[in-house]
Protein backbone atom coordinates (compact mmCIF):
# COMPACT_ATOMS: atom_id res chain seq x y z
CA MET A 1 -55.36 -0.69 -38.19
CA THR A 2 -54.00 -4.20 -36.68
CA GLY A 3 -51.89 -7.20 -37.20
CA VAL A 4 -52.24 -10.63 -38.07
CA THR A 5 -51.20 -13.78 -36.47
CA LEU A 6 -50.84 -17.37 -37.71
CA ASN A 7 -50.80 -19.98 -35.41
CA GLY A 8 -50.57 -23.87 -36.25
CA ALA A 9 -52.67 -23.01 -39.65
CA ILE A 10 -52.84 -26.19 -41.21
CA LYS A 11 -55.23 -26.62 -44.67
CA ARG A 12 -56.28 -29.68 -45.94
CA TYR A 13 -58.42 -30.50 -49.46
CA GLY A 14 -59.75 -33.89 -48.19
CA GLN A 15 -56.83 -36.35 -47.24
CA THR A 16 -54.26 -34.28 -48.84
CA GLN A 17 -52.85 -31.09 -47.46
CA VAL A 18 -51.02 -28.45 -48.50
CA ILE A 19 -50.58 -25.13 -46.23
CA HIS A 20 -48.99 -27.07 -43.05
CA GLY A 21 -48.45 -25.44 -39.54
CA ILE A 22 -47.57 -22.03 -40.06
CA ASP A 23 -46.87 -19.92 -37.07
CA LEU A 24 -46.33 -16.71 -38.76
CA GLU A 25 -46.64 -13.10 -36.82
CA ILE A 26 -47.59 -9.84 -39.51
CA LYS A 27 -47.66 -6.96 -37.10
CA ASP A 28 -49.50 -3.20 -37.02
CA GLY A 29 -48.58 -1.61 -40.32
CA GLU A 30 -46.26 -4.04 -41.92
CA PHE A 31 -45.74 -4.98 -45.41
CA CYS A 32 -45.30 -7.87 -45.40
CA VAL A 33 -44.94 -10.15 -48.73
CA PHE A 34 -45.75 -13.93 -49.43
CA VAL A 35 -43.53 -15.30 -52.67
CA GLY A 36 -43.07 -18.63 -53.88
CA PRO A 37 -42.52 -20.53 -56.20
CA SER A 38 -46.20 -22.01 -58.75
CA GLY A 39 -47.65 -24.08 -56.06
CA CYS A 40 -46.39 -22.89 -52.79
CA GLY A 41 -49.30 -22.41 -51.16
CA LYS A 42 -49.16 -18.92 -51.34
CA SER A 43 -52.55 -17.43 -52.56
CA THR A 44 -54.85 -20.59 -50.57
CA LEU A 45 -52.71 -18.71 -47.44
CA LEU A 46 -53.61 -15.14 -47.84
CA ARG A 47 -57.33 -17.17 -48.77
CA MET A 48 -56.98 -18.59 -45.65
CA ILE A 49 -56.76 -14.27 -43.85
CA ALA A 50 -59.40 -13.48 -46.24
CA GLY A 51 -62.12 -16.28 -44.98
CA LEU A 52 -62.17 -17.00 -48.29
CA GLU A 53 -60.98 -21.17 -47.12
CA GLU A 54 -61.79 -22.84 -44.79
CA THR A 55 -59.08 -23.41 -42.15
CA SER A 56 -58.65 -27.00 -41.10
CA GLU A 57 -56.96 -26.15 -37.78
CA GLY A 58 -54.88 -23.56 -35.67
CA GLN A 59 -55.89 -20.45 -34.98
CA ILE A 60 -55.99 -16.48 -37.55
CA HIS A 61 -56.32 -14.04 -35.34
CA ILE A 62 -56.18 -10.20 -36.70
CA GLY A 63 -55.30 -7.58 -33.87
CA THR A 64 -56.75 -9.09 -30.72
CA ARG A 65 -59.96 -10.93 -32.26
CA ASP A 66 -59.68 -14.84 -33.68
CA VAL A 67 -60.90 -15.13 -36.73
CA THR A 68 -60.62 -18.50 -38.24
CA HIS A 69 -63.99 -19.03 -38.96
CA LEU A 70 -65.61 -15.83 -39.17
CA ASP A 71 -66.93 -15.43 -42.53
CA PRO A 72 -64.92 -12.32 -44.93
CA ALA A 73 -67.48 -10.25 -44.15
CA LYS A 74 -66.57 -9.66 -40.14
CA ARG A 75 -62.99 -9.90 -40.97
CA GLY A 76 -62.17 -6.65 -41.34
CA VAL A 77 -60.04 -7.44 -44.61
CA ALA A 78 -60.18 -5.38 -48.13
CA MET A 79 -58.44 -8.15 -51.41
CA VAL A 80 -57.97 -7.34 -54.24
CA PHE A 81 -57.60 -9.26 -56.53
CA GLN A 82 -55.41 -10.07 -60.31
CA THR A 83 -58.73 -9.33 -61.70
CA TYR A 84 -59.74 -5.97 -61.87
CA ALA A 85 -63.32 -6.94 -61.36
CA LEU A 86 -64.94 -4.04 -62.25
CA TYR A 87 -68.61 -3.62 -63.14
CA PRO A 88 -68.52 -2.24 -66.40
CA HIS A 89 -71.81 -0.46 -66.42
CA MET A 90 -70.81 1.65 -63.45
CA THR A 91 -69.06 4.99 -63.34
CA VAL A 92 -64.93 4.85 -61.81
CA ALA A 93 -66.92 6.44 -58.27
CA GLU A 94 -70.11 3.82 -58.79
CA ASN A 95 -67.79 1.25 -58.94
CA MET A 96 -65.67 2.13 -55.42
CA GLY A 97 -68.68 2.69 -53.34
CA PHE A 98 -71.14 0.26 -54.57
CA GLY A 99 -70.29 -2.19 -51.56
CA LEU A 100 -70.69 0.72 -49.20
CA ARG A 101 -73.67 1.15 -50.55
CA MET A 102 -74.85 -2.24 -50.30
CA ASN A 103 -74.59 -1.79 -47.00
CA GLY A 104 -76.26 0.94 -46.51
CA VAL A 105 -74.50 3.77 -45.92
CA PRO A 106 -75.21 6.74 -46.36
CA LYS A 107 -75.07 8.67 -49.70
CA ALA A 108 -72.99 12.60 -47.92
CA GLU A 109 -71.03 9.63 -46.74
CA ILE A 110 -69.67 7.54 -49.72
CA GLU A 111 -68.98 10.70 -51.66
CA LYS A 112 -67.11 11.12 -49.17
CA LYS A 113 -64.96 8.28 -48.78
CA VAL A 114 -64.60 8.16 -52.57
CA GLN A 115 -62.81 11.32 -52.92
CA GLU A 116 -60.43 10.73 -50.11
CA ALA A 117 -59.75 7.35 -51.81
CA SER A 118 -59.42 9.29 -55.39
CA ASN A 119 -56.92 11.93 -53.58
CA ILE A 120 -54.83 9.36 -52.12
CA LEU A 121 -55.31 7.97 -55.71
CA LYS A 122 -54.78 10.63 -58.13
CA LEU A 123 -58.38 9.40 -59.42
CA ASP A 124 -59.98 12.36 -59.06
CA GLN A 125 -60.44 13.32 -63.43
CA TYR A 126 -61.05 9.21 -63.85
CA LEU A 127 -64.60 9.14 -61.74
CA LYS A 128 -67.21 10.21 -64.41
CA ARG A 129 -65.45 7.61 -66.43
CA LYS A 130 -66.77 3.96 -66.77
CA PRO A 131 -63.41 0.98 -66.98
CA LYS A 132 -63.22 0.56 -70.80
CA ALA A 133 -62.44 4.34 -70.39
CA LEU A 134 -59.46 3.58 -68.29
CA SER A 135 -55.44 2.28 -68.91
CA GLY A 136 -54.45 -1.31 -67.38
CA GLY A 137 -52.73 0.95 -64.29
CA GLN A 138 -55.28 3.02 -63.74
CA ARG A 139 -58.08 0.20 -63.27
CA GLN A 140 -56.07 -1.14 -60.59
CA ARG A 141 -56.10 1.76 -59.10
CA VAL A 142 -60.06 2.20 -58.54
CA ALA A 143 -59.97 -2.21 -57.56
CA ILE A 144 -57.84 -0.98 -54.51
CA GLY A 145 -59.88 2.80 -53.94
CA ARG A 146 -62.75 0.12 -54.08
CA ALA A 147 -60.64 -1.64 -51.26
CA ILE A 148 -59.65 1.70 -49.38
CA VAL A 149 -62.94 3.09 -48.69
CA ARG A 150 -64.28 0.20 -47.30
CA GLY A 151 -61.77 1.44 -44.62
CA PRO A 152 -60.41 -2.19 -43.92
CA GLU A 153 -57.79 -3.26 -40.72
CA VAL A 154 -55.76 -5.30 -43.32
CA PHE A 155 -55.96 -5.09 -47.15
CA LEU A 156 -54.31 -8.14 -49.08
CA PHE A 157 -53.19 -8.36 -52.19
CA ASP A 158 -53.11 -11.42 -54.51
CA GLU A 159 -51.15 -10.51 -57.49
CA PRO A 160 -52.87 -6.94 -58.49
CA LEU A 161 -49.93 -6.50 -60.96
CA SER A 162 -49.08 -10.13 -62.88
CA ASN A 163 -51.73 -8.40 -65.87
CA LEU A 164 -49.91 -5.12 -66.74
CA ASP A 165 -47.19 -5.46 -68.41
CA ALA A 166 -43.73 -4.80 -67.98
CA GLU A 167 -43.37 -0.37 -68.01
CA LEU A 168 -47.61 -0.46 -66.10
CA ARG A 169 -45.50 -3.13 -62.90
CA VAL A 170 -43.17 -0.49 -61.89
CA GLU A 171 -45.53 2.06 -62.00
CA MET A 172 -47.69 0.15 -59.72
CA ARG A 173 -45.11 -1.25 -57.74
CA VAL A 174 -44.69 2.66 -56.82
CA GLU A 175 -47.97 3.17 -56.02
CA ILE A 176 -48.93 1.19 -53.73
CA ALA A 177 -45.61 1.17 -51.92
CA ARG A 178 -46.34 4.92 -51.90
CA LEU A 179 -50.14 4.26 -50.55
CA HIS A 180 -48.50 2.35 -47.37
CA ASN A 181 -46.63 4.73 -46.78
CA GLU A 182 -49.41 6.77 -46.54
CA ILE A 183 -52.08 5.17 -44.78
CA GLY A 184 -49.81 3.04 -42.51
CA ALA A 185 -52.38 -0.11 -43.44
CA THR A 186 -51.61 -3.42 -42.31
CA MET A 187 -50.77 -5.23 -45.89
CA ILE A 188 -50.36 -8.60 -47.24
CA TYR A 189 -48.88 -8.63 -50.52
CA VAL A 190 -48.80 -12.22 -52.66
CA THR A 191 -46.83 -12.19 -55.60
CA HIS A 192 -44.47 -14.94 -57.41
CA ASP A 193 -42.34 -12.70 -58.11
CA GLN A 194 -39.06 -11.41 -55.84
CA VAL A 195 -38.44 -8.33 -57.60
CA GLU A 196 -41.61 -7.13 -56.74
CA ALA A 197 -40.85 -8.66 -52.87
CA MET A 198 -37.56 -7.06 -52.64
CA THR A 199 -38.65 -3.91 -54.13
CA MET A 200 -41.57 -3.50 -51.91
CA ALA A 201 -41.81 -5.53 -48.61
CA ASP A 202 -41.02 -5.06 -45.42
CA LYS A 203 -41.09 -8.58 -44.38
CA ILE A 204 -40.71 -10.89 -46.89
CA VAL A 205 -41.61 -14.54 -45.78
CA VAL A 206 -40.82 -17.25 -48.38
CA LEU A 207 -42.96 -20.78 -49.74
CA ARG A 208 -42.37 -23.89 -50.68
CA ASP A 209 -44.73 -27.01 -50.87
CA GLY A 210 -46.95 -25.26 -47.54
CA ARG A 211 -44.08 -24.17 -45.19
CA ILE A 212 -42.04 -21.32 -44.69
CA GLU A 213 -38.19 -20.99 -45.75
CA GLN A 214 -36.96 -17.59 -44.11
CA VAL A 215 -38.70 -15.16 -43.00
CA GLY A 216 -37.26 -11.65 -42.74
CA ALA A 217 -36.18 -8.28 -44.59
CA PRO A 218 -35.69 -8.16 -48.08
CA MET A 219 -31.70 -7.40 -47.63
CA ASP A 220 -31.79 -9.97 -44.68
CA LEU A 221 -32.54 -12.51 -46.62
CA TYR A 222 -30.48 -11.19 -49.53
CA ARG A 223 -27.54 -11.90 -47.33
CA ASP A 224 -27.70 -14.68 -44.69
CA PRO A 225 -30.11 -16.84 -46.39
CA ASP A 226 -30.89 -20.15 -44.77
CA ASN A 227 -30.96 -22.94 -47.72
CA LYS A 228 -30.29 -23.15 -51.08
CA PHE A 229 -33.68 -22.70 -51.72
CA VAL A 230 -33.96 -19.18 -50.19
CA ALA A 231 -30.08 -18.23 -52.02
CA GLY A 232 -31.72 -19.32 -55.26
CA PHE A 233 -34.94 -18.34 -55.39
CA ILE A 234 -34.76 -14.20 -53.92
CA GLY A 235 -31.97 -12.23 -55.88
CA SER A 236 -31.91 -11.25 -59.84
CA PRO A 237 -30.79 -13.03 -61.92
CA ALA A 238 -30.08 -16.12 -59.20
CA MET A 239 -27.56 -17.09 -57.43
CA ASN A 240 -24.66 -19.97 -58.68
CA PHE A 241 -23.89 -22.55 -57.39
CA LEU A 242 -20.89 -25.23 -58.19
CA ASP A 243 -21.13 -28.51 -56.52
CA CYS A 244 -16.99 -28.18 -55.29
CA ASP A 245 -14.28 -31.47 -54.57
CA ILE A 246 -12.73 -30.05 -51.26
CA ALA A 247 -9.30 -31.01 -51.56
CA ASP A 248 -5.87 -29.36 -48.48
CA GLY A 249 -8.93 -27.14 -46.70
CA ALA A 250 -10.39 -25.41 -49.56
CA ALA A 251 -13.93 -25.62 -52.21
CA HIS A 252 -12.09 -27.26 -55.92
CA HIS A 253 -14.49 -26.58 -59.29
CA SER A 254 -13.26 -26.57 -63.05
CA ALA A 255 -14.63 -22.88 -63.48
CA LEU A 256 -12.42 -21.73 -60.75
CA SER A 257 -9.12 -20.39 -61.55
CA THR A 258 -8.52 -20.23 -57.65
CA PRO A 259 -9.53 -23.11 -55.14
CA ILE A 260 -11.99 -20.75 -52.36
CA PRO A 261 -10.97 -21.60 -48.79
CA LEU A 262 -13.56 -23.65 -46.55
CA THR A 263 -15.46 -21.93 -43.65
CA ASN A 264 -15.46 -23.68 -40.00
CA SER A 265 -18.31 -24.64 -41.08
CA VAL A 266 -17.72 -27.30 -43.45
CA PRO A 267 -17.70 -30.88 -41.63
CA ALA A 268 -14.16 -31.37 -40.83
CA ASP A 269 -14.64 -35.20 -42.68
CA ALA A 270 -16.88 -33.38 -45.81
CA LYS A 271 -15.78 -34.04 -49.90
CA LYS A 272 -18.29 -31.76 -51.76
CA VAL A 273 -19.89 -29.20 -51.03
CA THR A 274 -21.83 -26.66 -52.82
CA VAL A 275 -20.65 -23.31 -53.18
CA GLY A 276 -23.33 -20.44 -53.61
CA ILE A 277 -21.73 -17.02 -55.70
CA ARG A 278 -23.73 -14.23 -56.87
CA PRO A 279 -22.93 -13.16 -60.30
CA GLU A 280 -22.49 -9.26 -59.38
CA HIS A 281 -19.19 -11.69 -57.21
CA ILE A 282 -18.07 -12.99 -59.10
CA GLU A 283 -14.56 -11.48 -61.74
CA VAL A 284 -13.69 -13.08 -64.86
CA ASP A 285 -10.13 -14.14 -65.34
CA ARG A 286 -9.30 -13.11 -68.79
CA ASN A 287 -5.98 -15.30 -68.13
CA SER A 288 -7.60 -18.50 -68.17
CA ASP A 289 -10.31 -20.70 -70.46
CA ALA A 290 -12.14 -22.71 -68.11
CA CYS A 291 -15.52 -21.41 -69.75
CA SER A 292 -17.08 -20.48 -72.67
CA VAL A 293 -19.19 -17.43 -73.31
CA ASP A 294 -22.94 -19.10 -74.27
CA LEU A 295 -24.47 -15.89 -73.63
CA THR A 296 -23.73 -11.93 -73.08
CA GLU A 297 -27.35 -10.13 -72.66
CA ALA A 298 -25.57 -5.94 -72.42
CA LEU A 299 -28.29 -4.36 -70.96
CA GLY A 300 -26.36 -0.92 -71.04
CA GLY A 301 -24.07 -0.50 -67.83
CA VAL A 302 -24.42 -3.80 -66.86
CA SER A 303 -24.40 -7.22 -68.95
CA TYR A 304 -25.11 -10.45 -67.90
CA VAL A 305 -22.77 -12.78 -69.37
CA TYR A 306 -23.77 -16.38 -69.31
CA LEU A 307 -20.87 -19.33 -69.42
CA LEU A 308 -20.35 -23.12 -70.29
CA ALA A 309 -18.13 -24.66 -67.64
CA ALA A 310 -15.72 -27.45 -68.85
CA ASN A 311 -18.19 -29.94 -67.08
CA GLY A 312 -21.42 -28.55 -68.61
CA ASP A 313 -22.75 -26.04 -65.06
CA LYS A 314 -23.41 -23.37 -65.79
CA LEU A 315 -23.78 -20.12 -64.37
CA ILE A 316 -23.76 -16.56 -64.53
CA VAL A 317 -20.98 -13.36 -64.29
CA GLU A 318 -22.24 -9.90 -63.83
CA GLU A 319 -20.08 -7.63 -65.98
CA ARG A 320 -19.01 -4.10 -66.26
CA ASP A 321 -16.09 -2.52 -66.93
CA ASP A 322 -15.52 -1.57 -70.88
CA HIS A 323 -14.36 -4.72 -71.45
CA ARG A 324 -17.60 -6.99 -72.55
CA SER A 325 -17.48 -10.48 -72.73
CA ALA A 326 -17.88 -11.75 -76.35
CA MET A 327 -20.32 -15.62 -77.58
CA GLY A 328 -17.79 -18.10 -77.81
CA GLU A 329 -14.64 -16.16 -75.93
CA LYS A 330 -13.14 -18.84 -73.32
CA ILE A 331 -13.16 -16.78 -69.83
CA GLY A 332 -12.29 -18.12 -66.29
CA ILE A 333 -14.10 -16.97 -63.24
CA SER A 334 -12.38 -15.60 -59.74
CA VAL A 335 -14.35 -15.70 -56.00
CA ARG A 336 -13.80 -12.94 -52.95
CA PRO A 337 -13.89 -15.95 -50.44
CA ASP A 338 -15.67 -13.45 -48.10
CA ARG A 339 -18.83 -13.67 -50.71
CA ALA A 340 -19.31 -16.94 -51.70
CA MET A 341 -22.34 -19.03 -49.21
CA MET A 342 -21.38 -22.72 -48.60
CA PHE A 343 -23.79 -24.74 -49.02
CA ASP A 344 -24.69 -29.03 -47.51
CA PRO A 345 -24.81 -30.97 -51.11
CA GLU A 346 -27.50 -32.92 -49.25
CA THR A 347 -29.89 -31.21 -47.67
CA GLY A 348 -29.07 -27.63 -48.72
CA LEU A 349 -28.77 -26.19 -45.17
CA ARG A 350 -26.40 -23.27 -45.85
CA LEU A 351 -23.13 -24.10 -43.24
CA ARG A 352 -22.51 -21.22 -40.98
């Protein structure tokens, strides 16, 4: 197994540049997730590593090898796609071993590798079935098994769970995380779902418009985002942002029962600041009528309350006590100053 390094990686389509000088190190055995909104370049970057997209400038190394211009088959990677791409006329075992058979690997060795992959993925009882007799989750496990039997240095996953229903996505998240722990391979995983990123990754790479916004461990990005984009993208429900006026050393907003004291990082001459606060760090103030409850999502042990402030701003508050706010109710909010994050309202950068 080995790591992956990108140095100044650039991708152009004609005159249009879509990947802008990516520098990134993925260590041996890491589970790295590329996450970002549609069109941010995450799948393009993955395909550049796989060799399915040509790298316009820069270098890509897998281990000590410069693979920038190598054919995909020579890079030592295996890719699992969103679609299963299984041969319908072949059994599970035949699908898993097909690539090896095309490369002239002896039958006995193919059977051994297929059996080993089957044991890891709990597919033993399905080896003689054809894809039409399998569930979506089982088909995706076969596709992963097909990658495992090749013995790649790096596994690449391109949104492999997006075609599954919610329950199967959760099940397959666990399966892939367990697979990573069991075989210890370097894995790079693309998703637009930040919940997948948070629950599976050792390292998250947040992308926007073909550039890296921030790289770090899931909880590091959650607790210490560099900018408003990362703060709003990582976390579910998303972080609330309040555009506040500054007066008397505090941030003021119509929804707040008590102004939030400014941190030393806010410039002394600033007139406005954007305050970010997560739903679980807001407390409901029932002595205030600054906001109206637009909707309450009751999810059992927790509810999410959607509020509309007097100035039209929308907020989400998490409630866990016995009293749950009802639609149309008038309430206010208070925020613990140590949980509030300050952002520059013009650049979106974190004020530290």
